[in-house]
PDB file of N, CA and C in Angstrom:
ATOM      1  N   MET A   1       3.994  11.502  -8.523  1.00  0.00           N
ATOM      2  CA  MET A   1       2.975  12.200  -7.780  1.00  0.00           C
ATOM      3  C   MET A   1       2.842  11.267  -6.304  1.00  0.00           C
ATOM      4  N   LYS A   2       2.715  12.205  -5.282  1.00  0.00           N
ATOM      5  CA  LYS A   2       2.602  11.686  -4.093  1.00  0.00           C
ATOM      6  C   LYS A   2       1.243  10.921  -3.879  1.00  0.00           C
ATOM      7  N   TYR A   3       1.218   9.794  -3.268  1.00  0.00           N
ATOM      8  CA  TYR A   3       0.013   9.035  -3.021  1.00  0.00           C
ATOM      9  C   TYR A   3      -0.880   9.912  -2.594  1.00  0.00           C
ATOM     10  N   GLN A   4      -0.712  10.717  -1.543  1.00  0.00           N
ATOM     11  CA  GLN A   4      -1.736  11.532  -0.693  1.00  0.00           C
ATOM     12  C   GLN A   4      -2.563  12.482  -1.751  1.00  0.00           C
ATOM     13  N   GLY A   5      -1.843  13.001  -2.865  1.00  0.00           N
ATOM     14  CA  GLY A   5      -2.451  13.782  -3.796  1.00  0.00           C
ATOM     15  C   GLY A   5      -3.255  13.030  -4.618  1.00  0.00           C
ATOM     16  N   ALA A   6      -2.971  11.828  -5.065  1.00  0.00           N
ATOM     17  CA  ALA A   6      -3.822  10.885  -5.946  1.00  0.00           C
ATOM     18  C   ALA A   6      -4.983  10.459  -5.074  1.00  0.00           C
ATOM     19  N   PHE A   7      -4.985  10.182  -3.747  1.00  0.00           N
ATOM     20  CA  PHE A   7      -5.980   9.729  -3.012  1.00  0.00           C
ATOM     21  C   PHE A   7      -6.098  10.425  -1.835  1.00  0.00           C
ATOM     22  N   ALA A   8      -7.104  11.220  -1.666  1.00  0.00           N
ATOM     23  CA  ALA A   8      -7.435  12.104  -0.387  1.00  0.00           C
ATOM     24  C   ALA A   8      -7.615  11.292   0.900  1.00  0.00           C
ATOM     25  N   ASP A   9      -8.056   9.876   0.810  1.00  0.00           N
ATOM     26  CA  ASP A   9      -8.364   9.139   1.749  1.00  0.00           C
ATOM     27  C   ASP A   9      -7.103   8.525   2.374  1.00  0.00           C
ATOM     28  N   LEU A  10      -6.089   8.543   1.912  1.00  0.00           N
ATOM     29  CA  LEU A  10      -4.798   8.194   2.331  1.00  0.00           C
ATOM     30  C   LEU A  10      -3.681   9.433   3.035  1.00  0.00           C
ATOM     31  N   ALA A  11      -4.575  10.505   3.217  1.00  0.00           N
ATOM     32  CA  ALA A  11      -3.822  11.651   3.601  1.00  0.00           C
ATOM     33  C   ALA A  11      -3.165  11.391   5.221  1.00  0.00           C
ATOM     34  N   GLU A  12      -3.690  10.557   5.959  1.00  0.00           N
ATOM     35  CA  GLU A  12      -3.417  10.204   7.179  1.00  0.00           C
ATOM     36  C   GLU A  12      -2.847   8.906   7.375  1.00  0.00           C
ATOM     37  N   ILE A  13      -2.475   8.279   6.392  1.00  0.00           N
ATOM     38  CA  ILE A  13      -1.804   6.919   6.158  1.00  0.00           C
ATOM     39  C   ILE A  13      -0.357   6.929   5.591  1.00  0.00           C
ATOM     40  N   TYR A  14       0.741   6.549   6.268  1.00  0.00           N
ATOM     41  CA  TYR A  14       1.958   6.652   5.850  1.00  0.00           C
ATOM     42  C   TYR A  14       2.328   5.250   5.156  1.00  0.00           C
ATOM     43  N   LEU A  15       2.191   5.347   3.762  1.00  0.00           N
ATOM     44  CA  LEU A  15       2.524   4.075   3.181  1.00  0.00           C
ATOM     45  C   LEU A  15       3.970   3.755   3.184  1.00  0.00           C
ATOM     46  N   LYS A  16       4.809   4.678   3.113  1.00  0.00           N
ATOM     47  CA  LYS A  16       6.386   4.263   3.130  1.00  0.00           C
ATOM     48  C   LYS A  16       6.640   3.477   4.219  1.00  0.00           C
ATOM     49  N   ASP A  17       6.158   3.424   5.346  1.00  0.00           N
ATOM     50  CA  ASP A  17       6.573   2.671   6.297  1.00  0.00           C
ATOM     51  C   ASP A  17       5.490   1.477   6.643  1.00  0.00           C
ATOM     52  N   SER A  18       4.361   1.155   5.838  1.00  0.00           N
ATOM     53  CA  SER A  18       3.375   0.389   5.873  1.00  0.00           C
ATOM     54  C   SER A  18       3.846  -0.870   5.098  1.00  0.00           C
ATOM     55  N   TRP A  19       3.542  -2.070   5.499  1.00  0.00           N
ATOM     56  CA  TRP A  19       3.726  -3.262   4.913  1.00  0.00           C
ATOM     57  C   TRP A  19       3.112  -3.882   4.094  1.00  0.00           C
ATOM     58  N   VAL A  20       3.248  -4.253   2.828  1.00  0.00           N
ATOM     59  CA  VAL A  20       2.186  -5.098   1.914  1.00  0.00           C
ATOM     60  C   VAL A  20       2.484  -6.496   2.274  1.00  0.00           C
ATOM     61  N   LEU A  21       1.255  -7.090   2.700  1.00  0.00           N
ATOM     62  CA  LEU A  21       1.301  -8.569   3.058  1.00  0.00           C
ATOM     63  C   LEU A  21       0.698  -9.123   2.048  1.00  0.00           C
ATOM     64  N   GLU A  22      -0.110  -8.781   1.028  1.00  0.00           N
ATOM     65  CA  GLU A  22      -0.647  -9.515  -0.053  1.00  0.00           C
ATOM     66  C   GLU A  22      -1.077  -8.490  -1.296  1.00  0.00           C
ATOM     67  N   VAL A  23      -0.926  -9.079  -2.501  1.00  0.00           N
ATOM     68  CA  VAL A  23      -1.444  -8.164  -3.612  1.00  0.00           C
ATOM     69  C   VAL A  23      -2.197  -8.951  -4.471  1.00  0.00           C
ATOM     70  N   ASP A  24      -3.545  -8.557  -4.737  1.00  0.00           N
ATOM     71  CA  ASP A  24      -4.355  -9.212  -5.713  1.00  0.00           C
ATOM     72  C   ASP A  24      -4.805  -8.277  -6.724  1.00  0.00           C
ATOM     73  N   ALA A  25      -4.389  -8.740  -7.985  1.00  0.00           N
ATOM     74  CA  ALA A  25      -4.687  -7.858  -9.091  1.00  0.00           C
ATOM     75  C   ALA A  25      -5.797  -8.444  -9.955  1.00  0.00           C
ATOM     76  N   THR A  26      -6.484  -7.595 -10.391  1.00  0.00           N
ATOM     77  CA  THR A  26      -7.658  -8.148 -11.390  1.00  0.00           C
ATOM     78  C   THR A  26      -7.583  -7.331 -12.719  1.00  0.00           C
ATOM     79  N   GLU A  27      -8.463  -7.378 -13.690  1.00  0.00           N
ATOM     80  CA  GLU A  27      -8.224  -6.526 -14.896  1.00  0.00           C
ATOM     81  C   GLU A  27      -8.627  -5.096 -14.639  1.00  0.00           C
ATOM     82  N   HIS A  28      -9.331  -4.827 -13.724  1.00  0.00           N
ATOM     83  CA  HIS A  28      -9.789  -3.508 -13.425  1.00  0.00           C
ATOM     84  C   HIS A  28      -9.382  -2.896 -11.995  1.00  0.00           C
ATOM     85  N   GLY A  29      -8.387  -3.266 -11.606  1.00  0.00           N
ATOM     86  CA  GLY A  29      -7.624  -2.836 -10.325  1.00  0.00           C
ATOM     87  C   GLY A  29      -6.843  -3.790  -9.604  1.00  0.00           C
ATOM     88  N   VAL A  30      -6.440  -3.357  -8.418  1.00  0.00           N
ATOM     89  CA  VAL A  30      -5.612  -3.905  -7.596  1.00  0.00           C
ATOM     90  C   VAL A  30      -5.911  -3.743  -6.149  1.00  0.00           C
ATOM     91  N   ALA A  31      -5.801  -4.985  -5.159  1.00  0.00           N
ATOM     92  CA  ALA A  31      -5.965  -4.729  -3.901  1.00  0.00           C
ATOM     93  C   ALA A  31      -4.834  -5.045  -2.960  1.00  0.00           C
ATOM     94  N   PHE A  32      -4.372  -4.247  -2.153  1.00  0.00           N
ATOM     95  CA  PHE A  32      -3.313  -4.461  -1.277  1.00  0.00           C
ATOM     96  C   PHE A  32      -3.647  -4.744   0.110  1.00  0.00           C
ATOM     97  N   ARG A  33      -3.320  -5.979   0.763  1.00  0.00           N
ATOM     98  CA  ARG A  33      -3.673  -6.044   2.229  1.00  0.00           C
ATOM     99  C   ARG A  33      -2.218  -5.732   2.975  1.00  0.00           C
ATOM    100  N   LEU A  34      -2.504  -4.683   3.841  1.00  0.00           N
ATOM    101  CA  LEU A  34      -1.598  -4.016   4.459  1.00  0.00           C
ATOM    102  C   LEU A  34      -1.535  -3.944   5.964  1.00  0.00           C
ATOM    103  N   ASP A  35      -0.339  -3.933   6.518  1.00  0.00           N
ATOM    104  CA  ASP A  35      -0.207  -3.424   7.999  1.00  0.00           C
ATOM    105  C   ASP A  35       0.174  -2.045   7.742  1.00  0.00           C
ATOM    106  N   ALA A  36      -0.884  -1.226   7.775  1.00  0.00           N
ATOM    107  CA  ALA A  36      -0.727   0.271   7.468  1.00  0.00           C
ATOM    108  C   ALA A  36      -0.473   1.187   8.646  1.00  0.00           C
ATOM    109  N   VAL A  37       0.141   2.106   8.521  1.00  0.00           N
ATOM    110  CA  VAL A  37       0.751   2.785   9.581  1.00  0.00           C
ATOM    111  C   VAL A  37      -0.089   4.425   9.586  1.00  0.00           C
ATOM    112  N   LEU A  38      -0.593   4.505  10.710  1.00  0.00           N
ATOM    113  CA  LEU A  38      -1.578   5.644  10.708  1.00  0.00           C
ATOM    114  C   LEU A  38      -0.778   6.779  11.425  1.00  0.00           C
ATOM    115  N   THR A  39      -1.170   7.911  10.992  1.00  0.00           N
ATOM    116  CA  THR A  39      -0.413   9.132  11.490  1.00  0.00           C
ATOM    117  C   THR A  39      -1.369   9.700  12.591  1.00  0.00           C
ATOM    118  N   PRO A  40      -0.965  10.685  13.707  1.00  0.00           N
ATOM    119  CA  PRO A  40      -1.596  11.021  14.988  1.00  0.00           C
ATOM    120  C   PRO A  40      -2.859  11.606  14.451  1.00  0.00           C
ATOM    121  N   ASN A  41      -3.134  12.179  13.308  1.00  0.00           N
ATOM    122  CA  ASN A  41      -4.468  12.818  12.846  1.00  0.00           C
ATOM    123  C   ASN A  41      -5.454  11.797  12.397  1.00  0.00           C
ATOM    124  N   HIS A  42      -5.071  10.619  12.272  1.00  0.00           N
ATOM    125  CA  HIS A  42      -6.107   9.538  11.769  1.00  0.00           C
ATOM    126  C   HIS A  42      -7.009   9.204  12.983  1.00  0.00           C
ATOM    127  N   PRO A  43      -8.372   9.089  12.682  1.00  0.00           N
ATOM    128  CA  PRO A  43      -9.367   8.930  13.574  1.00  0.00           C
ATOM    129  C   PRO A  43      -9.194   7.602  14.213  1.00  0.00           C
ATOM    130  N   ARG A  44      -8.433   6.552  13.838  1.00  0.00           N
ATOM    131  CA  ARG A  44      -8.132   5.245  14.458  1.00  0.00           C
ATOM    132  C   ARG A  44      -6.751   5.222  15.023  1.00  0.00           C
ATOM    133  N   TYR A  45      -6.131   6.417  15.131  1.00  0.00           N
ATOM    134  CA  TYR A  45      -4.793   6.269  15.556  1.00  0.00           C
ATOM    135  C   TYR A  45      -4.670   5.797  17.124  1.00  0.00           C
ATOM    136  N   HIS A  46      -3.760   5.208  17.505  1.00  0.00           N
ATOM    137  CA  HIS A  46      -3.513   4.782  19.004  1.00  0.00           C
ATOM    138  C   HIS A  46      -2.020   4.833  19.022  1.00  0.00           C
ATOM    139  N   PRO A  47      -1.658   5.096  20.269  1.00  0.00           N
ATOM    140  CA  PRO A  47      -0.081   4.944  20.536  1.00  0.00           C
ATOM    141  C   PRO A  47       0.394   3.492  20.056  1.00  0.00           C
ATOM    142  N   SER A  48       1.705   3.458  19.516  1.00  0.00           N
ATOM    143  CA  SER A  48       2.260   2.268  19.020  1.00  0.00           C
ATOM    144  C   SER A  48       2.295   1.296  20.055  1.00  0.00           C
ATOM    145  N   ALA A  49       2.317  -0.138  19.841  1.00  0.00           N
ATOM    146  CA  ALA A  49       2.343  -1.143  20.526  1.00  0.00           C
ATOM    147  C   ALA A  49       3.934  -1.312  21.030  1.00  0.00           C
ATOM    148  N   PRO A  50       4.036  -1.830  22.321  1.00  0.00           N
ATOM    149  CA  PRO A  50       5.384  -1.939  22.609  1.00  0.00           C
ATOM    150  C   PRO A  50       6.253  -2.689  21.745  1.00  0.00           C
ATOM    151  N   GLY A  51       7.554  -2.055  21.529  1.00  0.00           N
ATOM    152  CA  GLY A  51       8.394  -2.708  20.483  1.00  0.00           C
ATOM    153  C   GLY A  51       8.108  -2.279  19.104  1.00  0.00           C
ATOM    154  N   GLU A  52       7.002  -1.707  18.843  1.00  0.00           N
ATOM    155  CA  GLU A  52       6.666  -0.992  17.416  1.00  0.00           C
ATOM    156  C   GLU A  52       7.022   0.341  17.328  1.00  0.00           C
ATOM    157  N   GLN A  53       7.416   0.811  15.990  1.00  0.00           N
ATOM    158  CA  GLN A  53       7.812   2.097  15.664  1.00  0.00           C
ATOM    159  C   GLN A  53       6.527   2.950  15.621  1.00  0.00           C
ATOM    160  N   HIS A  54       5.420   2.438  15.109  1.00  0.00           N
ATOM    161  CA  HIS A  54       4.240   3.191  14.721  1.00  0.00           C
ATOM    162  C   HIS A  54       3.078   2.459  15.126  1.00  0.00           C
ATOM    163  N   CYS A  55       1.966   3.050  14.879  1.00  0.00           N
ATOM    164  CA  CYS A  55       0.475   2.654  15.140  1.00  0.00           C
ATOM    165  C   CYS A  55       0.188   1.788  13.816  1.00  0.00           C
ATOM    166  N   TYR A  56       0.035   0.658  13.816  1.00  0.00           N
ATOM    167  CA  TYR A  56      -0.159  -0.351  12.598  1.00  0.00           C
ATOM    168  C   TYR A  56      -1.725  -0.736  12.868  1.00  0.00           C
ATOM    169  N   VAL A  57      -2.196  -0.748  11.658  1.00  0.00           N
ATOM    170  CA  VAL A  57      -3.624  -1.396  11.676  1.00  0.00           C
ATOM    171  C   VAL A  57      -3.800  -2.444  10.479  1.00  0.00           C
ATOM    172  N   ARG A  58      -4.393  -3.419  10.425  1.00  0.00           N
ATOM    173  CA  ARG A  58      -4.618  -4.169   9.030  1.00  0.00           C
ATOM    174  C   ARG A  58      -5.738  -3.406   8.353  1.00  0.00           C
ATOM    175  N   ALA A  59      -5.407  -3.281   7.052  1.00  0.00           N
ATOM    176  CA  ALA A  59      -6.217  -2.694   6.056  1.00  0.00           C
ATOM    177  C   ALA A  59      -5.987  -3.171   4.612  1.00  0.00           C
ATOM    178  N   THR A  60      -7.085  -2.796   3.979  1.00  0.00           N
ATOM    179  CA  THR A  60      -7.120  -3.155   2.557  1.00  0.00           C
ATOM    180  C   THR A  60      -7.106  -1.984   1.766  1.00  0.00           C
ATOM    181  N   LEU A  61      -6.280  -1.730   0.871  1.00  0.00           N
ATOM    182  CA  LEU A  61      -6.346  -0.601   0.057  1.00  0.00           C
ATOM    183  C   LEU A  61      -6.598  -1.065  -1.494  1.00  0.00           C
ATOM    184  N   THR A  62      -7.726  -0.698  -1.956  1.00  0.00           N
ATOM    185  CA  THR A  62      -8.224  -1.022  -3.151  1.00  0.00           C
ATOM    186  C   THR A  62      -8.219   0.200  -4.191  1.00  0.00           C
ATOM    187  N   VAL A  63      -7.626  -0.170  -5.224  1.00  0.00           N
ATOM    188  CA  VAL A  63      -7.415   0.856  -6.315  1.00  0.00           C
ATOM    189  C   VAL A  63      -8.188   0.322  -7.579  1.00  0.00           C
ATOM    190  N   ALA A  64      -9.304   0.960  -7.807  1.00  0.00           N
ATOM    191  CA  ALA A  64     -10.053   0.512  -8.938  1.00  0.00           C
ATOM    192  C   ALA A  64     -10.163   1.338 -10.414  1.00  0.00           C
ATOM    193  N   SER A  65     -10.292   0.737 -11.257  1.00  0.00           N
ATOM    194  CA  SER A  65     -10.285   1.695 -12.603  1.00  0.00           C
ATOM    195  C   SER A  65     -11.369   1.200 -13.446  1.00  0.00           C
ATOM    196  N   THR A  66     -11.984   2.142 -14.151  1.00  0.00           N
ATOM    197  CA  THR A  66     -13.090   1.718 -15.231  1.00  0.00           C
ATOM    198  C   THR A  66     -12.158   1.174 -16.504  1.00  0.00           C
ATOM    199  N   THR A  67     -11.190   1.466 -16.794  1.00  0.00           N
ATOM    200  CA  THR A  67     -10.383   0.934 -17.726  1.00  0.00           C
ATOM    201  C   THR A  67      -9.314  -0.173 -17.164  1.00  0.00           C
ATOM    202  N   ARG A  68      -8.791  -0.992 -18.057  1.00  0.00           N
ATOM    203  CA  ARG A  68      -8.083  -2.154 -17.747  1.00  0.00           C
ATOM    204  C   ARG A  68      -6.619  -1.546 -16.926  1.00  0.00           C
ATOM    205  N   SER A  69      -6.447  -2.250 -15.978  1.00  0.00           N
ATOM    206  CA  SER A  69      -5.176  -1.857 -15.225  1.00  0.00           C
ATOM    207  C   SER A  69      -4.107  -2.895 -15.406  1.00  0.00           C
ATOM    208  N   LEU A  70      -2.783  -2.533 -15.191  1.00  0.00           N
ATOM    209  CA  LEU A  70      -1.664  -3.335 -15.282  1.00  0.00           C
ATOM    210  C   LEU A  70      -0.836  -3.382 -14.281  1.00  0.00           C
ATOM    211  N   LEU A  71      -0.600  -4.432 -13.516  1.00  0.00           N
ATOM    212  CA  LEU A  71       0.324  -4.181 -12.406  1.00  0.00           C
ATOM    213  C   LEU A  71       1.896  -4.894 -12.680  1.00  0.00           C
ATOM    214  N   HIS A  72       2.742  -3.871 -12.468  1.00  0.00           N
ATOM    215  CA  HIS A  72       4.076  -4.569 -12.605  1.00  0.00           C
ATOM    216  C   HIS A  72       4.778  -4.923 -11.438  1.00  0.00           C
ATOM    217  N   ARG A  73       4.884  -6.254 -11.267  1.00  0.00           N
ATOM    218  CA  ARG A  73       5.344  -6.768 -10.198  1.00  0.00           C
ATOM    219  C   ARG A  73       6.986  -6.904 -10.148  1.00  0.00           C
ATOM    220  N   SER A  74       7.594  -6.918  -8.970  1.00  0.00           N
ATOM    221  CA  SER A  74       9.108  -6.862  -9.065  1.00  0.00           C
ATOM    222  C   SER A  74       9.266  -8.460  -9.087  1.00  0.00           C
ATOM    223  N   ASP A  75      10.610  -8.777  -9.539  1.00  0.00           N
ATOM    224  CA  ASP A  75      11.051 -10.225  -9.725  1.00  0.00           C
ATOM    225  C   ASP A  75      11.422 -10.694  -8.297  1.00  0.00           C
ATOM    226  N   ALA A  76      11.578  -9.872  -7.335  1.00  0.00           N
ATOM    227  CA  ALA A  76      12.185 -10.247  -6.141  1.00  0.00           C
ATOM    228  C   ALA A  76      11.072 -11.058  -5.294  1.00  0.00           C
ATOM    229  N   PRO A  77      11.592 -12.111  -4.772  1.00  0.00           N
ATOM    230  CA  PRO A  77      10.558 -12.868  -4.083  1.00  0.00           C
ATOM    231  C   PRO A  77      10.012 -12.271  -2.730  1.00  0.00           C
ATOM    232  N   ALA A  78       9.044 -12.481  -2.037  1.00  0.00           N
ATOM    233  CA  ALA A  78       8.411 -11.930  -0.955  1.00  0.00           C
ATOM    234  C   ALA A  78       9.432 -12.356   0.303  1.00  0.00           C
ATOM    235  N   ALA A  79       9.443 -11.585   1.134  1.00  0.00           N
ATOM    236  CA  ALA A  79      10.262 -12.094   2.385  1.00  0.00           C
ATOM    237  C   ALA A  79       9.353 -12.707   3.389  1.00  0.00           C
ATOM    238  N   THR A  80       9.786 -13.436   4.405  1.00  0.00           N
ATOM    239  CA  THR A  80       8.909 -13.750   5.453  1.00  0.00           C
ATOM    240  C   THR A  80       9.396 -12.916   6.631  1.00  0.00           C
ATOM    241  N   ASP A  81       8.271 -12.321   7.218  1.00  0.00           N
ATOM    242  CA  ASP A  81       8.591 -11.530   8.560  1.00  0.00           C
ATOM    243  C   ASP A  81       8.740 -12.376   9.782  1.00  0.00           C
ATOM    244  N   ALA A  82       8.928 -11.750  10.813  1.00  0.00           N
ATOM    245  CA  ALA A  82       9.310 -12.334  12.102  1.00  0.00           C
ATOM    246  C   ALA A  82       7.786 -13.282  12.655  1.00  0.00           C
ATOM    247  N   SER A  83       6.728 -12.782  12.232  1.00  0.00           N
ATOM    248  CA  SER A  83       5.482 -13.599  12.642  1.00  0.00           C
ATOM    249  C   SER A  83       5.274 -14.696  11.387  1.00  0.00           C
ATOM    250  N   GLY A  84       5.911 -14.739  10.544  1.00  0.00           N
ATOM    251  CA  GLY A  84       5.887 -15.938   9.440  1.00  0.00           C
ATOM    252  C   GLY A  84       4.978 -15.456   8.236  1.00  0.00           C
ATOM    253  N   GLU A  85       4.663 -14.200   8.399  1.00  0.00           N
ATOM    254  CA  GLU A  85       3.663 -13.697   7.179  1.00  0.00           C
ATOM    255  C   GLU A  85       4.704 -13.280   6.089  1.00  0.00           C
ATOM    256  N   LEU A  86       4.117 -13.313   4.608  1.00  0.00           N
ATOM    257  CA  LEU A  86       4.875 -12.822   3.817  1.00  0.00           C
ATOM    258  C   LEU A  86       4.965 -11.451   3.651  1.00  0.00           C
ATOM    259  N   ASP A  87       5.913 -10.798   3.256  1.00  0.00           N
ATOM    260  CA  ASP A  87       6.331  -9.320   3.222  1.00  0.00           C
ATOM    261  C   ASP A  87       6.524  -8.847   1.925  1.00  0.00           C
ATOM    262  N   PHE A  88       5.910  -8.214   1.329  1.00  0.00           N
ATOM    263  CA  PHE A  88       6.190  -7.640  -0.113  1.00  0.00           C
ATOM    264  C   PHE A  88       6.886  -6.289  -0.095  1.00  0.00           C
ATOM    265  N   GLY A  89       7.330  -5.888   0.891  1.00  0.00           N
ATOM    266  CA  GLY A  89       7.820  -4.318   1.201  1.00  0.00           C
ATOM    267  C   GLY A  89       6.756  -3.436   1.190  1.00  0.00           C
ATOM    268  N   ASN A  90       6.948  -2.262   0.670  1.00  0.00           N
ATOM    269  CA  ASN A  90       6.109  -0.942   1.083  1.00  0.00           C
ATOM    270  C   ASN A  90       5.642  -0.303  -0.518  1.00  0.00           C
ATOM    271  N   ILE A  91       4.778   0.577  -0.321  1.00  0.00           N
ATOM    272  CA  ILE A  91       4.539   1.393  -1.395  1.00  0.00           C
ATOM    273  C   ILE A  91       4.922   2.597  -1.428  1.00  0.00           C
ATOM    274  N   ASP A  92       5.834   3.142  -2.491  1.00  0.00           N
ATOM    275  CA  ASP A  92       6.471   4.473  -2.400  1.00  0.00           C
ATOM    276  C   ASP A  92       5.732   5.381  -3.049  1.00  0.00           C
ATOM    277  N   VAL A  93       5.155   4.976  -4.365  1.00  0.00           N
ATOM    278  CA  VAL A  93       4.582   5.870  -5.158  1.00  0.00           C
ATOM    279  C   VAL A  93       3.582   5.326  -5.975  1.00  0.00           C
ATOM    280  N   PHE A  94       2.676   6.024  -6.351  1.00  0.00           N
ATOM    281  CA  PHE A  94       1.561   5.630  -7.423  1.00  0.00           C
ATOM    282  C   PHE A  94       1.848   6.470  -8.531  1.00  0.00           C
ATOM    283  N   ASN A  95       2.033   5.937  -9.888  1.00  0.00           N
ATOM    284  CA  ASN A  95       2.305   6.678 -11.139  1.00  0.00           C
ATOM    285  C   ASN A  95       1.319   6.124 -12.019  1.00  0.00           C
ATOM    286  N   PRO A  96       0.472   7.145 -12.553  1.00  0.00           N
ATOM    287  CA  PRO A  96      -0.449   6.867 -13.578  1.00  0.00           C
ATOM    288  C   PRO A  96       0.406   6.763 -14.770  1.00  0.00           C
ATOM    289  N   VAL A  97       0.186   5.715 -15.574  1.00  0.00           N
ATOM    290  CA  VAL A  97       1.045   5.348 -16.909  1.00  0.00           C
ATOM    291  C   VAL A  97      -0.039   4.834 -17.928  1.00  0.00           C
ATOM    292  N   ASP A  98       0.303   4.900 -19.354  1.00  0.00           N
ATOM    293  CA  ASP A  98      -0.462   4.527 -20.259  1.00  0.00           C
ATOM    294  C   ASP A  98      -0.076   2.970 -20.595  1.00  0.00           C
ATOM    295  N   TRP A  99      -0.604   2.280 -21.478  1.00  0.00           N
ATOM    296  CA  TRP A  99      -0.183   0.857 -21.631  1.00  0.00           C
ATOM    297  C   TRP A  99       1.147   0.471 -22.038  1.00  0.00           C
ATOM    298  N   ASP A 100       2.123   1.565 -22.535  1.00  0.00           N
ATOM    299  CA  ASP A 100       3.242   1.580 -22.897  1.00  0.00           C
ATOM    300  C   ASP A 100       4.174   1.851 -21.914  1.00  0.00           C
ATOM    301  N   GLY A 101       3.609   2.252 -20.618  1.00  0.00           N
ATOM    302  CA  GLY A 101       4.573   2.452 -19.478  1.00  0.00           C
ATOM    303  C   GLY A 101       4.754   4.133 -19.389  1.00  0.00           C
ATOM    304  N   ALA A 102       4.530   4.893 -20.630  1.00  0.00           N
ATOM    305  CA  ALA A 102       4.839   6.270 -20.442  1.00  0.00           C
ATOM    306  C   ALA A 102       3.761   6.938 -19.449  1.00  0.00           C
ATOM    307  N   PRO A 103       4.395   8.211 -18.953  1.00  0.00           N
ATOM    308  CA  PRO A 103       3.487   8.791 -17.966  1.00  0.00           C
ATOM    309  C   PRO A 103       2.014   9.352 -18.661  1.00  0.00           C
ATOM    310  N   ALA A 104       0.996   9.132 -17.835  1.00  0.00           N
ATOM    311  CA  ALA A 104      -0.320   9.276 -18.347  1.00  0.00           C
ATOM    312  C   ALA A 104      -0.672  10.781 -18.006  1.00  0.00           C
TER     313      ALA A 104
END
């Protein structure tokens, strides 16, 4: 499922080129601190900064659940970007699954 279909608030945010800077998981959700890419239709969009490919803004994406949630993290260590911040890559998809990992 594309994230725009699962979360209407993300329709004008391009997660595939956004950078995950921090991940904070709890029993009932997960919060991602991002350098988020805004599309031109987003109300906070502005032209990209010199040397940047996109319009980036700092944001927190919180996904909460009334039931327990489980985050499967990669074994790969975070990279360090040019500014010295940790970089966990990007978010490609959101897939709802049950506790066994089968599609929900």
